[in-house]
Amino acid sequence: MRIVIQRVTQASVVIENKVKGEIGLGLLLLAGFCGDDTEEDLKWMAGKVAQLRIFGDAEGKMNLSVQDVQGDLLVISQFTLYASTKKGNRPSYINAAPPTLAVPLYERFVTLLEATLGKKVQTGEFGADMKVSLLNDGPVTIVIDTKNKE
């Protein structure tokens, strides 16, 4: 599992001219899944996201988590995070999990985040053509891959 985390002051996702998910202060997560992702990977990532200290404290140091600032999450599925550009100019997505595997992983990840944070998590729609808007705060953008957790 691979995610791109962006600290935001606002973010939204629009599908067919309708807002599907919208948050204020919080984190926008772009989440990609591969075929060998496990429940352990999902749990580890949910815990990491909830506890990652990337919000400013009273002294302006990144020392607070999304939980600490009572921020929200917007999670967007993004298979292109597993793009391979080694050969040619057209990316290959062979390492991305197919929808039959990725959809349950995505849904379970959202459920784990909701349980960890104790609140609803906003989402996009798996496989839809989505328009994502955000105001990146900082900017702070971090990539985390479960294959690099040890």
N, C-alpha and C. Protein backbone atom coordinates (compact mmCIF):
# COMPACT_ATOMS: atom_id res chain seq x y z
N MET A 1 0.84 -1.17 0.00
CA MET A 1 0.00 0.00 0.00
C MET A 1 0.89 1.23 0.00
N ARG A 2 0.48 2.19 -0.79
CA ARG A 2 1.23 3.43 -0.89
C ARG A 2 0.25 4.59 -0.78
N ILE A 3 0.61 5.59 0.03
CA ILE A 3 -0.24 6.77 0.12
C ILE A 3 0.59 8.04 -0.02
N VAL A 4 -0.06 9.05 -0.53
CA VAL A 4 0.47 10.40 -0.54
C VAL A 4 -0.42 11.18 0.41
N ILE A 5 0.20 11.77 1.43
CA ILE A 5 -0.53 12.56 2.42
C ILE A 5 -0.27 14.04 2.14
N GLN A 6 -1.33 14.81 2.07
CA GLN A 6 -1.19 16.25 1.93
C GLN A 6 -1.94 16.93 3.07
N ARG A 7 -1.21 17.74 3.83
CA ARG A 7 -1.84 18.52 4.88
C ARG A 7 -2.57 19.67 4.21
N VAL A 8 -3.86 19.81 4.53
CA VAL A 8 -4.69 20.80 3.83
C VAL A 8 -5.48 21.66 4.80
N THR A 9 -5.84 22.84 4.33
CA THR A 9 -6.80 23.67 5.07
C THR A 9 -8.19 23.44 4.51
N GLN A 10 -8.25 22.89 3.28
CA GLN A 10 -9.52 22.47 2.70
C GLN A 10 -9.24 21.55 1.52
N ALA A 11 -10.17 20.64 1.26
CA ALA A 11 -10.06 19.73 0.12
C ALA A 11 -11.46 19.22 -0.21
N SER A 12 -11.65 18.91 -1.48
CA SER A 12 -12.94 18.35 -1.90
C SER A 12 -12.74 17.48 -3.13
N VAL A 13 -13.71 16.62 -3.36
CA VAL A 13 -13.73 15.79 -4.56
C VAL A 13 -15.11 15.92 -5.19
N VAL A 14 -15.11 16.17 -6.51
CA VAL A 14 -16.34 16.35 -7.26
C VAL A 14 -16.43 15.24 -8.31
N ILE A 15 -17.60 14.61 -8.40
CA ILE A 15 -17.88 13.57 -9.39
C ILE A 15 -19.15 13.97 -10.13
N GLU A 16 -19.05 14.07 -11.45
CA GLU A 16 -20.19 14.47 -12.28
C GLU A 16 -20.84 15.75 -11.76
N ASN A 17 -20.02 16.75 -11.47
CA ASN A 17 -20.45 18.08 -11.02
C ASN A 17 -21.14 18.10 -9.66
N LYS A 18 -20.96 17.03 -8.86
CA LYS A 18 -21.53 16.99 -7.52
C LYS A 18 -20.41 16.72 -6.51
N VAL A 19 -20.43 17.48 -5.41
CA VAL A 19 -19.43 17.27 -4.37
C VAL A 19 -19.72 15.93 -3.69
N LYS A 20 -18.72 15.04 -3.72
CA LYS A 20 -18.85 13.73 -3.08
C LYS A 20 -18.28 13.74 -1.66
N GLY A 21 -17.16 14.44 -1.49
CA GLY A 21 -16.52 14.53 -0.19
C GLY A 21 -15.86 15.89 -0.04
N GLU A 22 -15.85 16.39 1.19
CA GLU A 22 -15.30 17.73 1.43
C GLU A 22 -14.84 17.84 2.87
N ILE A 23 -13.66 18.43 3.08
CA ILE A 23 -13.15 18.64 4.43
C ILE A 23 -12.56 20.05 4.55
N GLY A 24 -12.41 20.49 5.80
CA GLY A 24 -11.65 21.69 6.10
C GLY A 24 -10.25 21.26 6.50
N LEU A 25 -9.79 21.73 7.65
CA LEU A 25 -8.47 21.37 8.15
C LEU A 25 -8.34 19.86 8.28
N GLY A 26 -7.27 19.30 7.73
CA GLY A 26 -7.06 17.87 7.85
C GLY A 26 -6.07 17.35 6.85
N LEU A 27 -6.30 16.10 6.43
CA LEU A 27 -5.40 15.43 5.51
C LEU A 27 -6.15 14.90 4.30
N LEU A 28 -5.59 15.15 3.14
CA LEU A 28 -6.04 14.52 1.90
C LEU A 28 -5.11 13.33 1.68
N LEU A 29 -5.68 12.15 1.55
CA LEU A 29 -4.90 10.94 1.31
C LEU A 29 -5.21 10.40 -0.07
N LEU A 30 -4.17 10.23 -0.88
CA LEU A 30 -4.28 9.52 -2.14
C LEU A 30 -3.76 8.13 -1.86
N ALA A 31 -4.60 7.11 -2.03
CA ALA A 31 -4.26 5.75 -1.60
C ALA A 31 -4.25 4.78 -2.77
N GLY A 32 -3.12 4.08 -2.91
CA GLY A 32 -2.98 3.05 -3.93
C GLY A 32 -2.70 1.71 -3.29
N PHE A 33 -3.17 0.66 -3.92
CA PHE A 33 -3.04 -0.68 -3.37
C PHE A 33 -2.41 -1.62 -4.39
N CYS A 34 -1.64 -2.59 -3.88
CA CYS A 34 -1.07 -3.62 -4.74
C CYS A 34 -1.62 -4.98 -4.31
N GLY A 35 -1.39 -5.97 -5.13
CA GLY A 35 -2.01 -7.28 -4.94
C GLY A 35 -1.63 -8.00 -3.66
N ASP A 36 -0.49 -7.69 -3.07
CA ASP A 36 -0.08 -8.42 -1.87
C ASP A 36 -0.29 -7.63 -0.58
N ASP A 37 -1.08 -6.57 -0.62
CA ASP A 37 -1.40 -5.84 0.60
C ASP A 37 -2.23 -6.70 1.54
N THR A 38 -1.98 -6.56 2.84
CA THR A 38 -2.63 -7.39 3.84
C THR A 38 -3.40 -6.52 4.84
N GLU A 39 -4.17 -7.17 5.67
CA GLU A 39 -4.88 -6.50 6.77
C GLU A 39 -3.88 -5.79 7.68
N GLU A 40 -2.74 -6.43 7.91
CA GLU A 40 -1.69 -5.83 8.74
C GLU A 40 -1.20 -4.52 8.12
N ASP A 41 -1.03 -4.49 6.80
CA ASP A 41 -0.60 -3.27 6.12
C ASP A 41 -1.63 -2.16 6.31
N LEU A 42 -2.90 -2.50 6.16
CA LEU A 42 -3.97 -1.51 6.30
C LEU A 42 -4.01 -0.94 7.72
N LYS A 43 -3.91 -1.83 8.71
CA LYS A 43 -3.93 -1.38 10.12
C LYS A 43 -2.72 -0.51 10.43
N TRP A 44 -1.56 -0.92 9.96
CA TRP A 44 -0.35 -0.13 10.20
C TRP A 44 -0.48 1.26 9.60
N MET A 45 -0.97 1.31 8.35
CA MET A 45 -1.10 2.60 7.67
C MET A 45 -2.14 3.48 8.35
N ALA A 46 -3.26 2.93 8.76
CA ALA A 46 -4.29 3.72 9.45
C ALA A 46 -3.73 4.32 10.73
N GLY A 47 -2.97 3.53 11.49
CA GLY A 47 -2.36 4.02 12.71
C GLY A 47 -1.32 5.10 12.42
N LYS A 48 -0.53 4.91 11.39
CA LYS A 48 0.49 5.88 11.03
C LYS A 48 -0.14 7.21 10.63
N VAL A 49 -1.18 7.15 9.81
CA VAL A 49 -1.86 8.38 9.37
C VAL A 49 -2.44 9.12 10.57
N ALA A 50 -3.11 8.41 11.45
CA ALA A 50 -3.77 9.04 12.60
C ALA A 50 -2.77 9.69 13.56
N GLN A 51 -1.58 9.12 13.67
CA GLN A 51 -0.62 9.58 14.67
C GLN A 51 0.52 10.43 14.10
N LEU A 52 0.58 10.57 12.79
CA LEU A 52 1.66 11.33 12.16
C LEU A 52 1.62 12.79 12.60
N ARG A 53 2.69 13.25 13.19
CA ARG A 53 2.73 14.60 13.76
C ARG A 53 3.22 15.60 12.72
N ILE A 54 2.27 16.14 11.96
CA ILE A 54 2.63 17.07 10.88
C ILE A 54 1.85 18.39 10.95
N PHE A 55 1.16 18.62 12.05
CA PHE A 55 0.46 19.90 12.26
C PHE A 55 1.23 20.71 13.29
N GLY A 56 1.21 22.02 13.14
CA GLY A 56 1.96 22.91 14.01
C GLY A 56 1.39 23.01 15.41
N ASP A 57 2.30 23.05 16.40
CA ASP A 57 1.90 23.28 17.78
C ASP A 57 1.96 24.78 18.07
N ALA A 58 1.87 25.17 19.34
CA ALA A 58 1.87 26.59 19.72
C ALA A 58 3.14 27.31 19.30
N GLU A 59 4.26 26.58 19.18
CA GLU A 59 5.52 27.19 18.74
C GLU A 59 5.73 27.07 17.24
N GLY A 60 4.75 26.52 16.54
CA GLY A 60 4.86 26.38 15.09
C GLY A 60 5.64 25.15 14.64
N LYS A 61 6.00 24.26 15.56
CA LYS A 61 6.72 23.04 15.20
C LYS A 61 5.71 21.95 14.85
N MET A 62 6.06 21.15 13.85
CA MET A 62 5.19 20.04 13.47
C MET A 62 5.26 18.99 14.58
N ASN A 63 4.29 19.06 15.48
CA ASN A 63 4.31 18.21 16.67
C ASN A 63 2.93 17.65 17.00
N LEU A 64 1.92 17.96 16.19
CA LEU A 64 0.55 17.52 16.46
C LEU A 64 0.04 16.64 15.32
N SER A 65 -0.80 15.67 15.69
CA SER A 65 -1.40 14.78 14.70
C SER A 65 -2.75 15.31 14.25
N VAL A 66 -3.32 14.67 13.25
CA VAL A 66 -4.66 15.04 12.79
C VAL A 66 -5.67 14.83 13.91
N GLN A 67 -5.43 13.84 14.77
CA GLN A 67 -6.29 13.62 15.93
C GLN A 67 -6.19 14.79 16.90
N ASP A 68 -4.96 15.24 17.14
CA ASP A 68 -4.72 16.34 18.08
C ASP A 68 -5.43 17.63 17.67
N VAL A 69 -5.46 17.89 16.36
CA VAL A 69 -6.08 19.14 15.88
C VAL A 69 -7.54 18.94 15.50
N GLN A 70 -8.06 17.73 15.76
CA GLN A 70 -9.44 17.37 15.43
C GLN A 70 -9.74 17.61 13.95
N GLY A 71 -8.74 17.27 13.12
CA GLY A 71 -8.88 17.43 11.68
C GLY A 71 -9.67 16.30 11.05
N ASP A 72 -9.97 16.48 9.79
CA ASP A 72 -10.74 15.50 9.03
C ASP A 72 -9.86 14.84 7.97
N LEU A 73 -10.38 13.76 7.39
CA LEU A 73 -9.68 13.05 6.34
C LEU A 73 -10.56 12.94 5.10
N LEU A 74 -9.92 13.09 3.95
CA LEU A 74 -10.54 12.82 2.65
C LEU A 74 -9.64 11.80 1.98
N VAL A 75 -10.17 10.60 1.69
CA VAL A 75 -9.39 9.52 1.11
C VAL A 75 -9.85 9.26 -0.32
N ILE A 76 -8.89 9.35 -1.25
CA ILE A 76 -9.15 9.16 -2.66
C ILE A 76 -8.36 7.95 -3.15
N SER A 77 -9.02 7.00 -3.81
CA SER A 77 -8.30 5.87 -4.39
C SER A 77 -7.51 6.35 -5.60
N GLN A 78 -6.27 5.85 -5.73
CA GLN A 78 -5.43 6.32 -6.83
C GLN A 78 -4.46 5.22 -7.25
N PHE A 79 -4.91 4.41 -8.21
CA PHE A 79 -4.08 3.30 -8.69
C PHE A 79 -2.82 3.80 -9.38
N THR A 80 -2.82 5.04 -9.85
CA THR A 80 -1.64 5.56 -10.56
C THR A 80 -0.42 5.72 -9.65
N LEU A 81 -0.59 5.59 -8.34
CA LEU A 81 0.56 5.62 -7.44
C LEU A 81 1.49 4.44 -7.69
N TYR A 82 0.98 3.41 -8.36
CA TYR A 82 1.80 2.25 -8.69
C TYR A 82 2.24 2.25 -10.15
N ALA A 83 2.28 3.41 -10.76
CA ALA A 83 2.74 3.52 -12.14
C ALA A 83 4.21 3.15 -12.24
N SER A 84 4.55 2.40 -13.26
CA SER A 84 5.94 2.10 -13.56
C SER A 84 6.29 2.84 -14.85
N THR A 85 7.36 3.61 -14.81
CA THR A 85 7.77 4.38 -15.98
C THR A 85 9.15 3.94 -16.47
N LYS A 86 9.54 2.71 -16.15
CA LYS A 86 10.86 2.21 -16.51
C LYS A 86 11.05 2.07 -18.02
N LYS A 87 10.00 1.65 -18.71
CA LYS A 87 10.11 1.42 -20.14
C LYS A 87 9.17 2.35 -20.89
N GLY A 88 9.68 3.00 -21.90
CA GLY A 88 8.85 3.83 -22.76
C GLY A 88 8.31 5.06 -22.05
N ASN A 89 7.31 5.67 -22.66
CA ASN A 89 6.72 6.90 -22.14
C ASN A 89 5.30 6.73 -21.65
N ARG A 90 4.74 5.55 -21.81
CA ARG A 90 3.39 5.28 -21.31
C ARG A 90 3.51 4.46 -20.04
N PRO A 91 3.03 5.00 -18.92
CA PRO A 91 3.15 4.25 -17.66
C PRO A 91 2.41 2.92 -17.70
N SER A 92 2.98 1.96 -17.00
CA SER A 92 2.34 0.66 -16.82
C SER A 92 1.79 0.61 -15.40
N TYR A 93 0.63 0.02 -15.26
CA TYR A 93 -0.01 -0.09 -13.95
C TYR A 93 -0.12 -1.53 -13.50
N ILE A 94 0.75 -2.37 -14.01
CA ILE A 94 0.70 -3.80 -13.73
C ILE A 94 0.87 -4.11 -12.24
N ASN A 95 1.54 -3.22 -11.50
CA ASN A 95 1.75 -3.46 -10.06
C ASN A 95 0.58 -3.03 -9.19
N ALA A 96 -0.37 -2.30 -9.76
CA ALA A 96 -1.55 -1.88 -9.01
C ALA A 96 -2.51 -3.06 -8.89
N ALA A 97 -3.15 -3.17 -7.74
CA ALA A 97 -4.14 -4.24 -7.54
C ALA A 97 -5.32 -4.03 -8.49
N PRO A 98 -5.84 -5.12 -9.07
CA PRO A 98 -7.03 -4.98 -9.89
C PRO A 98 -8.23 -4.59 -9.01
N PRO A 99 -9.27 -4.01 -9.60
CA PRO A 99 -10.41 -3.55 -8.80
C PRO A 99 -11.01 -4.62 -7.88
N THR A 100 -11.01 -5.89 -8.30
CA THR A 100 -11.58 -6.93 -7.45
C THR A 100 -10.85 -7.06 -6.12
N LEU A 101 -9.56 -6.73 -6.11
CA LEU A 101 -8.79 -6.72 -4.86
C LEU A 101 -8.74 -5.34 -4.23
N ALA A 102 -8.59 -4.32 -5.06
CA ALA A 102 -8.38 -2.96 -4.55
C ALA A 102 -9.62 -2.38 -3.87
N VAL A 103 -10.81 -2.65 -4.39
CA VAL A 103 -12.02 -2.07 -3.79
C VAL A 103 -12.19 -2.51 -2.33
N PRO A 104 -12.12 -3.82 -2.04
CA PRO A 104 -12.24 -4.22 -0.63
C PRO A 104 -11.11 -3.67 0.25
N LEU A 105 -9.90 -3.56 -0.28
CA LEU A 105 -8.80 -2.98 0.48
C LEU A 105 -9.06 -1.52 0.79
N TYR A 106 -9.52 -0.78 -0.20
CA TYR A 106 -9.84 0.64 -0.03
C TYR A 106 -10.95 0.82 1.01
N GLU A 107 -12.01 0.05 0.88
CA GLU A 107 -13.14 0.17 1.81
C GLU A 107 -12.73 -0.21 3.23
N ARG A 108 -11.90 -1.24 3.37
CA ARG A 108 -11.44 -1.66 4.69
C ARG A 108 -10.53 -0.59 5.30
N PHE A 109 -9.66 0.02 4.49
CA PHE A 109 -8.79 1.08 4.96
C PHE A 109 -9.60 2.25 5.50
N VAL A 110 -10.63 2.64 4.79
CA VAL A 110 -11.51 3.74 5.24
C VAL A 110 -12.17 3.36 6.57
N THR A 111 -12.66 2.13 6.68
CA THR A 111 -13.28 1.66 7.92
C THR A 111 -12.30 1.70 9.09
N LEU A 112 -11.07 1.27 8.84
CA LEU A 112 -10.04 1.31 9.89
C LEU A 112 -9.72 2.74 10.31
N LEU A 113 -9.64 3.66 9.35
CA LEU A 113 -9.40 5.06 9.68
C LEU A 113 -10.52 5.63 10.53
N GLU A 114 -11.77 5.30 10.16
CA GLU A 114 -12.92 5.78 10.93
C GLU A 114 -12.88 5.24 12.36
N ALA A 115 -12.53 3.98 12.52
CA ALA A 115 -12.45 3.39 13.85
C ALA A 115 -11.32 4.03 14.66
N THR A 116 -10.20 4.29 14.02
CA THR A 116 -9.05 4.88 14.69
C THR A 116 -9.33 6.32 15.12
N LEU A 117 -9.96 7.09 14.24
CA LEU A 117 -10.23 8.49 14.52
C LEU A 117 -11.53 8.72 15.28
N GLY A 118 -12.42 7.74 15.25
CA GLY A 118 -13.70 7.88 15.93
C GLY A 118 -14.65 8.85 15.23
N LYS A 119 -14.49 8.99 13.92
CA LYS A 119 -15.39 9.85 13.16
C LYS A 119 -15.43 9.45 11.70
N LYS A 120 -16.41 9.96 11.00
CA LYS A 120 -16.60 9.66 9.57
C LYS A 120 -15.43 10.22 8.77
N VAL A 121 -15.02 9.44 7.77
CA VAL A 121 -13.97 9.84 6.84
C VAL A 121 -14.63 10.09 5.49
N GLN A 122 -14.30 11.20 4.88
CA GLN A 122 -14.83 11.54 3.56
C GLN A 122 -14.07 10.76 2.49
N THR A 123 -14.76 10.41 1.40
CA THR A 123 -14.12 9.63 0.34
C THR A 123 -14.54 10.14 -1.04
N GLY A 124 -13.80 9.63 -2.00
CA GLY A 124 -14.20 9.77 -3.38
C GLY A 124 -15.02 8.54 -3.74
N GLU A 125 -14.94 8.13 -5.00
CA GLU A 125 -15.64 6.93 -5.44
C GLU A 125 -14.68 6.11 -6.28
N PHE A 126 -14.44 4.90 -5.86
CA PHE A 126 -13.46 4.06 -6.54
C PHE A 126 -13.79 3.94 -8.02
N GLY A 127 -12.82 4.20 -8.86
CA GLY A 127 -12.96 4.04 -10.31
C GLY A 127 -13.64 5.19 -11.04
N ALA A 128 -14.15 6.16 -10.30
CA ALA A 128 -14.85 7.29 -10.94
C ALA A 128 -13.85 8.31 -11.47
N ASP A 129 -14.30 9.12 -12.41
CA ASP A 129 -13.52 10.27 -12.88
C ASP A 129 -13.76 11.37 -11.86
N MET A 130 -12.74 11.65 -11.06
CA MET A 130 -12.90 12.59 -9.94
C MET A 130 -12.09 13.85 -10.19
N LYS A 131 -12.63 14.96 -9.75
CA LYS A 131 -11.93 16.24 -9.76
C LYS A 131 -11.62 16.58 -8.30
N VAL A 132 -10.34 16.56 -7.96
CA VAL A 132 -9.91 16.78 -6.58
C VAL A 132 -9.32 18.18 -6.47
N SER A 133 -9.82 18.94 -5.51
CA SER A 133 -9.30 20.28 -5.24
C SER A 133 -8.76 20.31 -3.82
N LEU A 134 -7.68 21.07 -3.63
CA LEU A 134 -7.12 21.18 -2.29
C LEU A 134 -6.34 22.46 -2.15
N LEU A 135 -6.24 22.88 -0.91
CA LEU A 135 -5.36 23.98 -0.54
C LEU A 135 -4.32 23.37 0.39
N ASN A 136 -3.14 23.04 -0.18
CA ASN A 136 -2.09 22.39 0.57
C ASN A 136 -1.52 23.38 1.57
N ASP A 137 -1.43 22.96 2.81
CA ASP A 137 -0.99 23.82 3.90
C ASP A 137 0.48 23.56 4.19
N GLY A 138 1.32 24.51 3.91
CA GLY A 138 2.75 24.38 4.22
C GLY A 138 3.65 24.79 3.06
N PRO A 139 3.71 24.07 1.99
CA PRO A 139 3.04 22.81 1.70
C PRO A 139 3.70 21.64 2.44
N VAL A 140 2.86 20.71 2.87
CA VAL A 140 3.34 19.48 3.48
C VAL A 140 2.78 18.32 2.67
N THR A 141 3.66 17.55 2.06
CA THR A 141 3.29 16.38 1.28
C THR A 141 4.26 15.26 1.63
N ILE A 142 3.72 14.11 2.03
CA ILE A 142 4.53 12.98 2.49
C ILE A 142 4.05 11.71 1.81
N VAL A 143 5.00 10.88 1.38
CA VAL A 143 4.68 9.59 0.76
C VAL A 143 5.06 8.50 1.76
N ILE A 144 4.13 7.57 1.96
CA ILE A 144 4.40 6.43 2.85
C ILE A 144 4.04 5.15 2.10
N ASP A 145 4.92 4.17 2.18
CA ASP A 145 4.70 2.88 1.53
C ASP A 145 4.86 1.78 2.58
N THR A 146 3.90 0.88 2.65
CA THR A 146 3.97 -0.18 3.66
C THR A 146 5.15 -1.13 3.39
N LYS A 147 5.68 -1.13 2.21
CA LYS A 147 6.84 -1.98 1.91
C LYS A 147 8.10 -1.43 2.58
N ASN A 148 8.04 -0.19 3.07
CA ASN A 148 9.19 0.43 3.72
C ASN A 148 8.96 0.68 5.20
N LYS A 149 8.08 -0.09 5.83
CA LYS A 149 7.74 0.18 7.23
C LYS A 149 8.76 -0.34 8.22
N GLU A 150 9.68 -1.15 7.80
CA GLU A 150 10.66 -1.68 8.76
C GLU A 150 12.05 -1.17 8.44
